[in-house]
Amino acid sequence: MEALLIGLSKWLAATSLSHTIQTVTWIIPTLQTIHILCVAIVFSSAVLVDLRIFRLFERDEQLRDVMRRFLPPIWPVLVMLLITGSLLIIGEPRRSLVNTTFYLKMALLLVAILLTATLQRTALGSPGFLEDRSRRLTGQALATLSVLVWCGVLFAGRWIAYTQAG
């Protein structure tokens, strides 16, 4: 599998798009900046909803109102993350494609997205979601897991730059 990923990395690195991304000095820092700002939007939106589940934020507002305010930006911003992340991979394919930390980040990101979507669907589908004690505890457990997994995404994303690729 590693040989396949190394071959794919070499092929991507030889493309004209990769060459352009690598040689135009402002492209990678610009992509990284946009990527990091998008991560901040997604992370803060998800964490603010998680904090509301614990009644540490917007205590006087209904959870569904907080979700309607903070979660909608996540979905289009995730598309922007996909675009900037893909361009960063094309520009520096070996850094990501042959790096196990990259795959850890992708796995954590998938879990974080699924948790956020599950919380959103559950809370918006059941307005009294947190009224019952057992459901509140379940919601708080999911919110705790959500914060931890989103933090894991952040750490793994930064860790990619410091772990050896292949």
N, C-alpha and C. Protein backbone atom coordinates (compact mmCIF):
# COMPACT_ATOMS: atom_id res chain seq x y z
N MET A 1 0.83 -1.20 0.00
CA MET A 1 0.00 0.00 0.00
C MET A 1 0.87 1.26 0.00
N GLU A 2 1.95 1.21 0.81
CA GLU A 2 2.82 2.38 0.87
C GLU A 2 3.45 2.67 -0.49
N ALA A 3 3.82 1.62 -1.21
CA ALA A 3 4.41 1.82 -2.54
C ALA A 3 3.41 2.49 -3.48
N LEU A 4 2.14 2.10 -3.37
CA LEU A 4 1.09 2.72 -4.18
C LEU A 4 0.95 4.20 -3.84
N LEU A 5 0.96 4.52 -2.55
CA LEU A 5 0.84 5.92 -2.12
C LEU A 5 2.06 6.74 -2.52
N ILE A 6 3.24 6.13 -2.46
CA ILE A 6 4.44 6.83 -2.90
C ILE A 6 4.36 7.10 -4.41
N GLY A 7 3.91 6.11 -5.16
CA GLY A 7 3.73 6.29 -6.60
C GLY A 7 2.73 7.38 -6.92
N LEU A 8 1.60 7.38 -6.20
CA LEU A 8 0.59 8.43 -6.38
C LEU A 8 1.17 9.79 -6.03
N SER A 9 1.94 9.86 -4.96
CA SER A 9 2.57 11.12 -4.54
C SER A 9 3.51 11.64 -5.63
N LYS A 10 4.31 10.74 -6.18
CA LYS A 10 5.24 11.14 -7.25
C LYS A 10 4.49 11.62 -8.48
N TRP A 11 3.42 10.90 -8.83
CA TRP A 11 2.63 11.30 -9.99
C TRP A 11 2.01 12.68 -9.77
N LEU A 12 1.40 12.88 -8.59
CA LEU A 12 0.79 14.18 -8.29
C LEU A 12 1.84 15.29 -8.30
N ALA A 13 3.00 15.03 -7.71
CA ALA A 13 4.06 16.05 -7.64
C ALA A 13 4.55 16.44 -9.03
N ALA A 14 4.38 15.56 -10.00
CA ALA A 14 4.85 15.84 -11.36
C ALA A 14 3.82 16.59 -12.20
N THR A 15 2.62 16.80 -11.67
CA THR A 15 1.59 17.50 -12.46
C THR A 15 1.89 18.99 -12.50
N SER A 16 1.35 19.64 -13.52
CA SER A 16 1.58 21.09 -13.65
C SER A 16 0.91 21.86 -12.51
N LEU A 17 -0.25 21.39 -12.04
CA LEU A 17 -0.90 22.07 -10.92
C LEU A 17 -0.04 21.98 -9.67
N SER A 18 0.51 20.82 -9.39
CA SER A 18 1.40 20.67 -8.23
C SER A 18 2.62 21.56 -8.37
N HIS A 19 3.19 21.58 -9.57
CA HIS A 19 4.37 22.42 -9.80
C HIS A 19 4.04 23.90 -9.56
N THR A 20 2.88 24.33 -10.03
CA THR A 20 2.47 25.72 -9.82
C THR A 20 2.30 26.02 -8.34
N ILE A 21 1.61 25.13 -7.63
CA ILE A 21 1.40 25.32 -6.19
C ILE A 21 2.74 25.37 -5.46
N GLN A 22 3.68 24.53 -5.86
CA GLN A 22 4.99 24.47 -5.21
C GLN A 22 5.86 25.69 -5.51
N THR A 23 5.75 26.24 -6.71
CA THR A 23 6.71 27.28 -7.12
C THR A 23 6.21 28.71 -6.95
N VAL A 24 4.92 28.92 -6.95
CA VAL A 24 4.40 30.27 -6.73
C VAL A 24 4.37 30.49 -5.21
N THR A 25 5.23 31.38 -4.75
CA THR A 25 5.52 31.47 -3.31
C THR A 25 4.32 31.79 -2.42
N TRP A 26 3.32 32.45 -2.93
CA TRP A 26 2.20 32.85 -2.08
C TRP A 26 1.09 31.81 -2.01
N ILE A 27 1.09 30.81 -2.87
CA ILE A 27 -0.05 29.89 -2.93
C ILE A 27 -0.17 29.02 -1.68
N ILE A 28 0.89 28.33 -1.28
CA ILE A 28 0.78 27.45 -0.11
C ILE A 28 0.45 28.22 1.16
N PRO A 29 1.12 29.36 1.46
CA PRO A 29 0.73 30.09 2.67
C PRO A 29 -0.72 30.59 2.62
N THR A 30 -1.18 30.98 1.43
CA THR A 30 -2.56 31.44 1.30
C THR A 30 -3.53 30.28 1.53
N LEU A 31 -3.26 29.14 0.91
CA LEU A 31 -4.12 27.97 1.12
C LEU A 31 -4.13 27.55 2.58
N GLN A 32 -2.96 27.54 3.21
CA GLN A 32 -2.88 27.16 4.62
C GLN A 32 -3.67 28.14 5.50
N THR A 33 -3.57 29.42 5.20
CA THR A 33 -4.30 30.43 5.98
C THR A 33 -5.80 30.24 5.84
N ILE A 34 -6.27 30.06 4.61
CA ILE A 34 -7.71 29.84 4.38
C ILE A 34 -8.14 28.55 5.09
N HIS A 35 -7.33 27.51 4.97
CA HIS A 35 -7.64 26.22 5.60
C HIS A 35 -7.76 26.38 7.12
N ILE A 36 -6.81 27.07 7.73
CA ILE A 36 -6.82 27.27 9.18
C ILE A 36 -8.02 28.12 9.62
N LEU A 37 -8.34 29.16 8.87
CA LEU A 37 -9.51 29.99 9.20
C LEU A 37 -10.80 29.17 9.10
N CYS A 38 -10.89 28.33 8.09
CA CYS A 38 -12.07 27.46 7.96
C CYS A 38 -12.16 26.46 9.11
N VAL A 39 -11.02 25.91 9.51
CA VAL A 39 -11.00 25.00 10.67
C VAL A 39 -11.50 25.74 11.90
N ALA A 40 -11.08 26.99 12.07
CA ALA A 40 -11.51 27.78 13.23
C ALA A 40 -13.03 27.98 13.21
N ILE A 41 -13.60 28.24 12.05
CA ILE A 41 -15.05 28.43 11.94
C ILE A 41 -15.78 27.14 12.32
N VAL A 42 -15.36 26.03 11.75
CA VAL A 42 -16.01 24.75 12.02
C VAL A 42 -15.87 24.37 13.49
N PHE A 43 -14.64 24.47 14.00
CA PHE A 43 -14.38 24.10 15.39
C PHE A 43 -15.18 24.96 16.35
N SER A 44 -15.14 26.27 16.17
CA SER A 44 -15.85 27.15 17.12
C SER A 44 -17.36 26.95 17.03
N SER A 45 -17.89 26.75 15.84
CA SER A 45 -19.33 26.51 15.71
C SER A 45 -19.75 25.24 16.45
N ALA A 46 -19.00 24.17 16.23
CA ALA A 46 -19.33 22.90 16.88
C ALA A 46 -19.17 23.00 18.40
N VAL A 47 -18.10 23.62 18.85
CA VAL A 47 -17.84 23.70 20.29
C VAL A 47 -18.86 24.61 20.98
N LEU A 48 -19.29 25.69 20.34
CA LEU A 48 -20.31 26.55 20.95
C LEU A 48 -21.61 25.77 21.17
N VAL A 49 -21.98 24.94 20.22
CA VAL A 49 -23.17 24.10 20.40
C VAL A 49 -22.94 23.09 21.53
N ASP A 50 -21.76 22.49 21.57
CA ASP A 50 -21.44 21.55 22.64
C ASP A 50 -21.49 22.23 24.01
N LEU A 51 -20.99 23.45 24.08
CA LEU A 51 -21.03 24.20 25.35
C LEU A 51 -22.47 24.52 25.74
N ARG A 52 -23.34 24.77 24.76
CA ARG A 52 -24.75 25.02 25.07
C ARG A 52 -25.40 23.77 25.65
N ILE A 53 -25.01 22.61 25.17
CA ILE A 53 -25.55 21.35 25.70
C ILE A 53 -25.22 21.24 27.19
N PHE A 54 -24.07 21.75 27.60
CA PHE A 54 -23.68 21.75 29.01
C PHE A 54 -24.21 22.97 29.76
N ARG A 55 -24.95 23.82 29.08
CA ARG A 55 -25.50 25.06 29.66
C ARG A 55 -24.39 26.00 30.13
N LEU A 56 -23.28 26.00 29.40
CA LEU A 56 -22.18 26.91 29.69
C LEU A 56 -22.17 28.09 28.73
N PHE A 57 -23.08 28.09 27.77
CA PHE A 57 -23.15 29.14 26.76
C PHE A 57 -24.61 29.31 26.36
N GLU A 58 -25.04 30.57 26.23
CA GLU A 58 -26.42 30.87 25.80
C GLU A 58 -27.46 30.07 26.59
N ARG A 59 -27.35 30.13 27.91
CA ARG A 59 -28.23 29.35 28.78
C ARG A 59 -29.71 29.67 28.60
N ASP A 60 -30.00 30.91 28.23
CA ASP A 60 -31.40 31.33 28.12
C ASP A 60 -32.02 31.00 26.76
N GLU A 61 -31.23 30.47 25.85
CA GLU A 61 -31.75 30.15 24.53
C GLU A 61 -31.96 28.65 24.39
N GLN A 62 -32.94 28.29 23.59
CA GLN A 62 -33.18 26.88 23.29
C GLN A 62 -32.00 26.33 22.49
N LEU A 63 -31.69 25.06 22.73
CA LEU A 63 -30.59 24.41 22.01
C LEU A 63 -30.81 24.49 20.50
N ARG A 64 -32.03 24.25 20.05
CA ARG A 64 -32.26 24.26 18.60
C ARG A 64 -32.01 25.64 18.01
N ASP A 65 -32.28 26.72 18.79
CA ASP A 65 -32.00 28.07 18.29
C ASP A 65 -30.50 28.32 18.18
N VAL A 66 -29.76 27.83 19.16
CA VAL A 66 -28.29 27.96 19.11
C VAL A 66 -27.75 27.15 17.93
N MET A 67 -28.29 25.96 17.74
CA MET A 67 -27.85 25.13 16.61
C MET A 67 -28.18 25.79 15.27
N ARG A 68 -29.35 26.36 15.18
CA ARG A 68 -29.73 27.03 13.92
C ARG A 68 -28.84 28.23 13.63
N ARG A 69 -28.29 28.82 14.67
CA ARG A 69 -27.40 29.97 14.48
C ARG A 69 -25.97 29.54 14.15
N PHE A 70 -25.46 28.51 14.81
CA PHE A 70 -24.04 28.18 14.70
C PHE A 70 -23.70 27.01 13.78
N LEU A 71 -24.61 26.06 13.58
CA LEU A 71 -24.24 24.90 12.77
C LEU A 71 -24.34 25.08 11.26
N PRO A 72 -25.26 25.88 10.74
CA PRO A 72 -25.32 26.01 9.27
C PRO A 72 -24.01 26.42 8.60
N PRO A 73 -23.19 27.29 9.21
CA PRO A 73 -21.92 27.62 8.53
C PRO A 73 -20.97 26.44 8.39
N ILE A 74 -21.13 25.42 9.22
CA ILE A 74 -20.20 24.29 9.18
C ILE A 74 -20.21 23.62 7.81
N TRP A 75 -21.37 23.39 7.26
CA TRP A 75 -21.47 22.53 6.07
C TRP A 75 -20.83 23.16 4.83
N PRO A 76 -21.09 24.42 4.49
CA PRO A 76 -20.37 24.99 3.33
C PRO A 76 -18.87 25.19 3.61
N VAL A 77 -18.52 25.46 4.86
CA VAL A 77 -17.11 25.64 5.20
C VAL A 77 -16.37 24.31 5.08
N LEU A 78 -17.03 23.20 5.38
CA LEU A 78 -16.40 21.89 5.17
C LEU A 78 -16.06 21.67 3.70
N VAL A 79 -16.89 22.19 2.80
CA VAL A 79 -16.58 22.10 1.37
C VAL A 79 -15.32 22.91 1.06
N MET A 80 -15.21 24.10 1.65
CA MET A 80 -14.01 24.91 1.46
C MET A 80 -12.78 24.20 2.02
N LEU A 81 -12.94 23.53 3.16
CA LEU A 81 -11.83 22.75 3.72
C LEU A 81 -11.41 21.62 2.78
N LEU A 82 -12.39 20.98 2.16
CA LEU A 82 -12.08 19.92 1.20
C LEU A 82 -11.29 20.48 0.02
N ILE A 83 -11.69 21.64 -0.46
CA ILE A 83 -11.00 22.25 -1.60
C ILE A 83 -9.58 22.66 -1.22
N THR A 84 -9.44 23.41 -0.13
CA THR A 84 -8.09 23.87 0.26
C THR A 84 -7.21 22.69 0.66
N GLY A 85 -7.78 21.72 1.37
CA GLY A 85 -7.00 20.55 1.75
C GLY A 85 -6.54 19.75 0.54
N SER A 86 -7.43 19.60 -0.44
CA SER A 86 -7.06 18.88 -1.67
C SER A 86 -5.94 19.60 -2.41
N LEU A 87 -6.04 20.92 -2.49
CA LEU A 87 -4.98 21.69 -3.16
C LEU A 87 -3.66 21.60 -2.41
N LEU A 88 -3.72 21.60 -1.08
CA LEU A 88 -2.49 21.43 -0.29
C LEU A 88 -1.88 20.05 -0.52
N ILE A 89 -2.72 19.04 -0.63
CA ILE A 89 -2.21 17.69 -0.91
C ILE A 89 -1.58 17.64 -2.30
N ILE A 90 -2.23 18.25 -3.27
CA ILE A 90 -1.67 18.28 -4.63
C ILE A 90 -0.32 19.01 -4.64
N GLY A 91 -0.23 20.08 -3.86
CA GLY A 91 1.01 20.86 -3.81
C GLY A 91 2.14 20.15 -3.08
N GLU A 92 1.81 19.39 -2.06
CA GLU A 92 2.81 18.67 -1.27
C GLU A 92 2.30 17.24 -1.00
N PRO A 93 2.17 16.43 -2.04
CA PRO A 93 1.49 15.13 -1.88
C PRO A 93 2.17 14.18 -0.90
N ARG A 94 3.47 14.11 -0.91
CA ARG A 94 4.15 13.15 -0.03
C ARG A 94 3.95 13.51 1.44
N ARG A 95 3.88 14.79 1.73
CA ARG A 95 3.70 15.26 3.11
C ARG A 95 2.45 14.65 3.75
N SER A 96 1.41 14.48 2.95
CA SER A 96 0.15 13.95 3.49
C SER A 96 -0.09 12.49 3.14
N LEU A 97 0.03 12.15 1.89
CA LEU A 97 -0.39 10.83 1.43
C LEU A 97 0.45 9.69 1.98
N VAL A 98 1.67 9.98 2.42
CA VAL A 98 2.54 8.94 2.96
C VAL A 98 2.79 9.20 4.45
N ASN A 99 1.83 9.81 5.10
CA ASN A 99 1.98 10.20 6.50
C ASN A 99 0.79 9.65 7.29
N THR A 100 1.04 8.75 8.22
CA THR A 100 -0.05 8.13 8.97
C THR A 100 -0.84 9.15 9.79
N THR A 101 -0.21 10.24 10.19
CA THR A 101 -0.92 11.27 10.95
C THR A 101 -2.03 11.90 10.10
N PHE A 102 -1.80 12.02 8.81
CA PHE A 102 -2.82 12.54 7.90
C PHE A 102 -4.07 11.66 7.95
N TYR A 103 -3.87 10.35 7.94
CA TYR A 103 -5.01 9.43 7.97
C TYR A 103 -5.70 9.43 9.33
N LEU A 104 -4.94 9.66 10.39
CA LEU A 104 -5.53 9.83 11.71
C LEU A 104 -6.44 11.06 11.70
N LYS A 105 -5.95 12.15 11.13
CA LYS A 105 -6.75 13.38 11.05
C LYS A 105 -8.03 13.13 10.26
N MET A 106 -7.93 12.44 9.13
CA MET A 106 -9.10 12.18 8.30
C MET A 106 -10.12 11.31 9.04
N ALA A 107 -9.64 10.31 9.77
CA ALA A 107 -10.55 9.44 10.54
C ALA A 107 -11.24 10.23 11.64
N LEU A 108 -10.47 11.04 12.36
CA LEU A 108 -11.06 11.88 13.42
C LEU A 108 -12.05 12.88 12.84
N LEU A 109 -11.72 13.45 11.69
CA LEU A 109 -12.61 14.41 11.04
C LEU A 109 -13.94 13.75 10.67
N LEU A 110 -13.87 12.55 10.15
CA LEU A 110 -15.10 11.82 9.81
C LEU A 110 -15.95 11.59 11.05
N VAL A 111 -15.32 11.16 12.14
CA VAL A 111 -16.05 10.95 13.40
C VAL A 111 -16.65 12.27 13.90
N ALA A 112 -15.88 13.35 13.84
CA ALA A 112 -16.35 14.66 14.31
C ALA A 112 -17.55 15.13 13.49
N ILE A 113 -17.48 14.96 12.19
CA ILE A 113 -18.60 15.37 11.33
C ILE A 113 -19.84 14.54 11.64
N LEU A 114 -19.66 13.24 11.80
CA LEU A 114 -20.80 12.37 12.12
C LEU A 114 -21.41 12.72 13.47
N LEU A 115 -20.57 12.99 14.47
CA LEU A 115 -21.08 13.40 15.79
C LEU A 115 -21.86 14.71 15.70
N THR A 116 -21.30 15.67 15.00
CA THR A 116 -21.96 16.98 14.87
C THR A 116 -23.28 16.84 14.14
N ALA A 117 -23.29 16.07 13.06
CA ALA A 117 -24.53 15.86 12.31
C ALA A 117 -25.57 15.11 13.15
N THR A 118 -25.12 14.14 13.93
CA THR A 118 -26.03 13.38 14.79
C THR A 118 -26.64 14.28 15.86
N LEU A 119 -25.81 15.08 16.50
CA LEU A 119 -26.32 16.01 17.51
C LEU A 119 -27.31 16.99 16.88
N GLN A 120 -26.98 17.51 15.71
CA GLN A 120 -27.86 18.46 15.04
C GLN A 120 -29.19 17.81 14.68
N ARG A 121 -29.14 16.65 14.06
CA ARG A 121 -30.37 15.97 13.65
C ARG A 121 -31.24 15.62 14.86
N THR A 122 -30.61 15.13 15.92
CA THR A 122 -31.35 14.72 17.12
C THR A 122 -32.00 15.92 17.80
N ALA A 123 -31.23 16.97 18.00
CA ALA A 123 -31.76 18.14 18.72
C ALA A 123 -32.81 18.88 17.91
N LEU A 124 -32.61 18.99 16.61
CA LEU A 124 -33.60 19.70 15.79
C LEU A 124 -34.85 18.85 15.59
N GLY A 125 -34.69 17.53 15.60
CA GLY A 125 -35.83 16.64 15.44
C GLY A 125 -36.64 16.45 16.71
N SER A 126 -36.00 16.66 17.86
CA SER A 126 -36.65 16.51 19.16
C SER A 126 -36.42 17.77 19.98
N PRO A 127 -37.32 18.75 19.89
CA PRO A 127 -37.10 20.02 20.59
C PRO A 127 -36.83 19.88 22.08
N GLY A 128 -37.38 18.88 22.75
CA GLY A 128 -37.15 18.69 24.17
C GLY A 128 -36.00 17.73 24.44
N PHE A 129 -35.08 17.65 23.53
CA PHE A 129 -33.98 16.69 23.56
C PHE A 129 -33.29 16.62 24.91
N LEU A 130 -33.06 17.74 25.56
CA LEU A 130 -32.29 17.74 26.81
C LEU A 130 -33.15 17.82 28.07
N GLU A 131 -34.45 17.71 27.91
CA GLU A 131 -35.34 17.83 29.07
C GLU A 131 -35.28 16.58 29.96
N ASP A 132 -35.26 15.43 29.37
CA ASP A 132 -35.19 14.18 30.11
C ASP A 132 -33.75 13.96 30.60
N ARG A 133 -33.61 13.53 31.86
CA ARG A 133 -32.27 13.38 32.47
C ARG A 133 -31.38 12.43 31.69
N SER A 134 -31.89 11.27 31.32
CA SER A 134 -31.04 10.30 30.62
C SER A 134 -30.64 10.81 29.24
N ARG A 135 -31.57 11.49 28.57
CA ARG A 135 -31.24 12.06 27.26
C ARG A 135 -30.24 13.20 27.41
N ARG A 136 -30.37 13.96 28.49
CA ARG A 136 -29.42 15.06 28.73
C ARG A 136 -28.02 14.49 28.96
N LEU A 137 -27.94 13.40 29.75
CA LEU A 137 -26.64 12.77 29.99
C LEU A 137 -26.05 12.20 28.69
N THR A 138 -26.91 11.62 27.87
CA THR A 138 -26.45 11.13 26.57
C THR A 138 -25.95 12.29 25.70
N GLY A 139 -26.72 13.37 25.69
CA GLY A 139 -26.31 14.56 24.93
C GLY A 139 -25.00 15.12 25.43
N GLN A 140 -24.83 15.16 26.75
CA GLN A 140 -23.58 15.68 27.31
C GLN A 140 -22.41 14.75 27.02
N ALA A 141 -22.65 13.45 27.02
CA ALA A 141 -21.59 12.50 26.66
C ALA A 141 -21.18 12.70 25.20
N LEU A 142 -22.18 12.87 24.32
CA LEU A 142 -21.88 13.11 22.91
C LEU A 142 -21.16 14.45 22.72
N ALA A 143 -21.58 15.46 23.48
CA ALA A 143 -20.92 16.77 23.38
C ALA A 143 -19.47 16.69 23.86
N THR A 144 -19.24 15.95 24.93
CA THR A 144 -17.87 15.77 25.43
C THR A 144 -17.02 15.06 24.37
N LEU A 145 -17.57 13.99 23.83
CA LEU A 145 -16.85 13.27 22.78
C LEU A 145 -16.60 14.17 21.57
N SER A 146 -17.58 14.97 21.23
CA SER A 146 -17.44 15.90 20.10
C SER A 146 -16.28 16.86 20.32
N VAL A 147 -16.22 17.48 21.49
CA VAL A 147 -15.12 18.43 21.79
C VAL A 147 -13.78 17.71 21.71
N LEU A 148 -13.70 16.53 22.31
CA LEU A 148 -12.44 15.78 22.30
C LEU A 148 -12.02 15.40 20.88
N VAL A 149 -12.97 14.96 20.09
CA VAL A 149 -12.63 14.55 18.72
C VAL A 149 -12.25 15.76 17.87
N TRP A 150 -12.98 16.87 18.01
CA TRP A 150 -12.59 18.08 17.26
C TRP A 150 -11.20 18.55 17.69
N CYS A 151 -10.88 18.46 18.97
CA CYS A 151 -9.52 18.81 19.43
C CYS A 151 -8.50 17.85 18.82
N GLY A 152 -8.87 16.58 18.72
CA GLY A 152 -8.00 15.61 18.07
C GLY A 152 -7.74 15.95 16.61
N VAL A 153 -8.77 16.43 15.92
CA VAL A 153 -8.60 16.87 14.53
C VAL A 153 -7.59 18.01 14.46
N LEU A 154 -7.73 18.98 15.38
CA LEU A 154 -6.79 20.11 15.40
C LEU A 154 -5.36 19.65 15.66
N PHE A 155 -5.18 18.82 16.67
CA PHE A 155 -3.84 18.34 17.00
C PHE A 155 -3.24 17.53 15.85
N ALA A 156 -4.02 16.62 15.29
CA ALA A 156 -3.51 15.80 14.19
C ALA A 156 -3.17 16.67 12.98
N GLY A 157 -4.00 17.67 12.71
CA GLY A 157 -3.72 18.57 11.60
C GLY A 157 -2.39 19.29 11.75
N ARG A 158 -2.12 19.76 12.95
CA ARG A 158 -0.83 20.43 13.20
C ARG A 158 0.31 19.42 13.22
N TRP A 159 0.03 18.23 13.70
CA TRP A 159 1.04 17.19 13.85
C TRP A 159 1.57 16.72 12.50
N ILE A 160 0.75 16.81 11.46
CA ILE A 160 1.17 16.39 10.12
C ILE A 160 2.49 17.06 9.73
N ALA A 161 2.62 18.33 10.05
CA ALA A 161 3.83 19.08 9.68
C ALA A 161 5.07 18.58 10.40
N TYR A 162 4.89 17.89 11.50
CA TYR A 162 6.03 17.50 12.33
C TYR A 162 6.30 16.00 12.36
N THR A 163 5.51 15.23 11.63
CA THR A 163 5.76 13.80 11.57
C THR A 163 6.38 13.46 10.23
N GLN A 164 7.20 12.47 10.25
CA GLN A 164 7.94 12.06 9.05
C GLN A 164 7.01 11.36 8.08
N ALA A 165 7.01 11.81 6.84
CA ALA A 165 6.24 11.14 5.79
C ALA A 165 7.07 10.02 5.20
N GLY A 166 6.46 8.82 5.19
CA GLY A 166 7.08 7.65 4.56
C GLY A 166 8.50 7.50 4.87
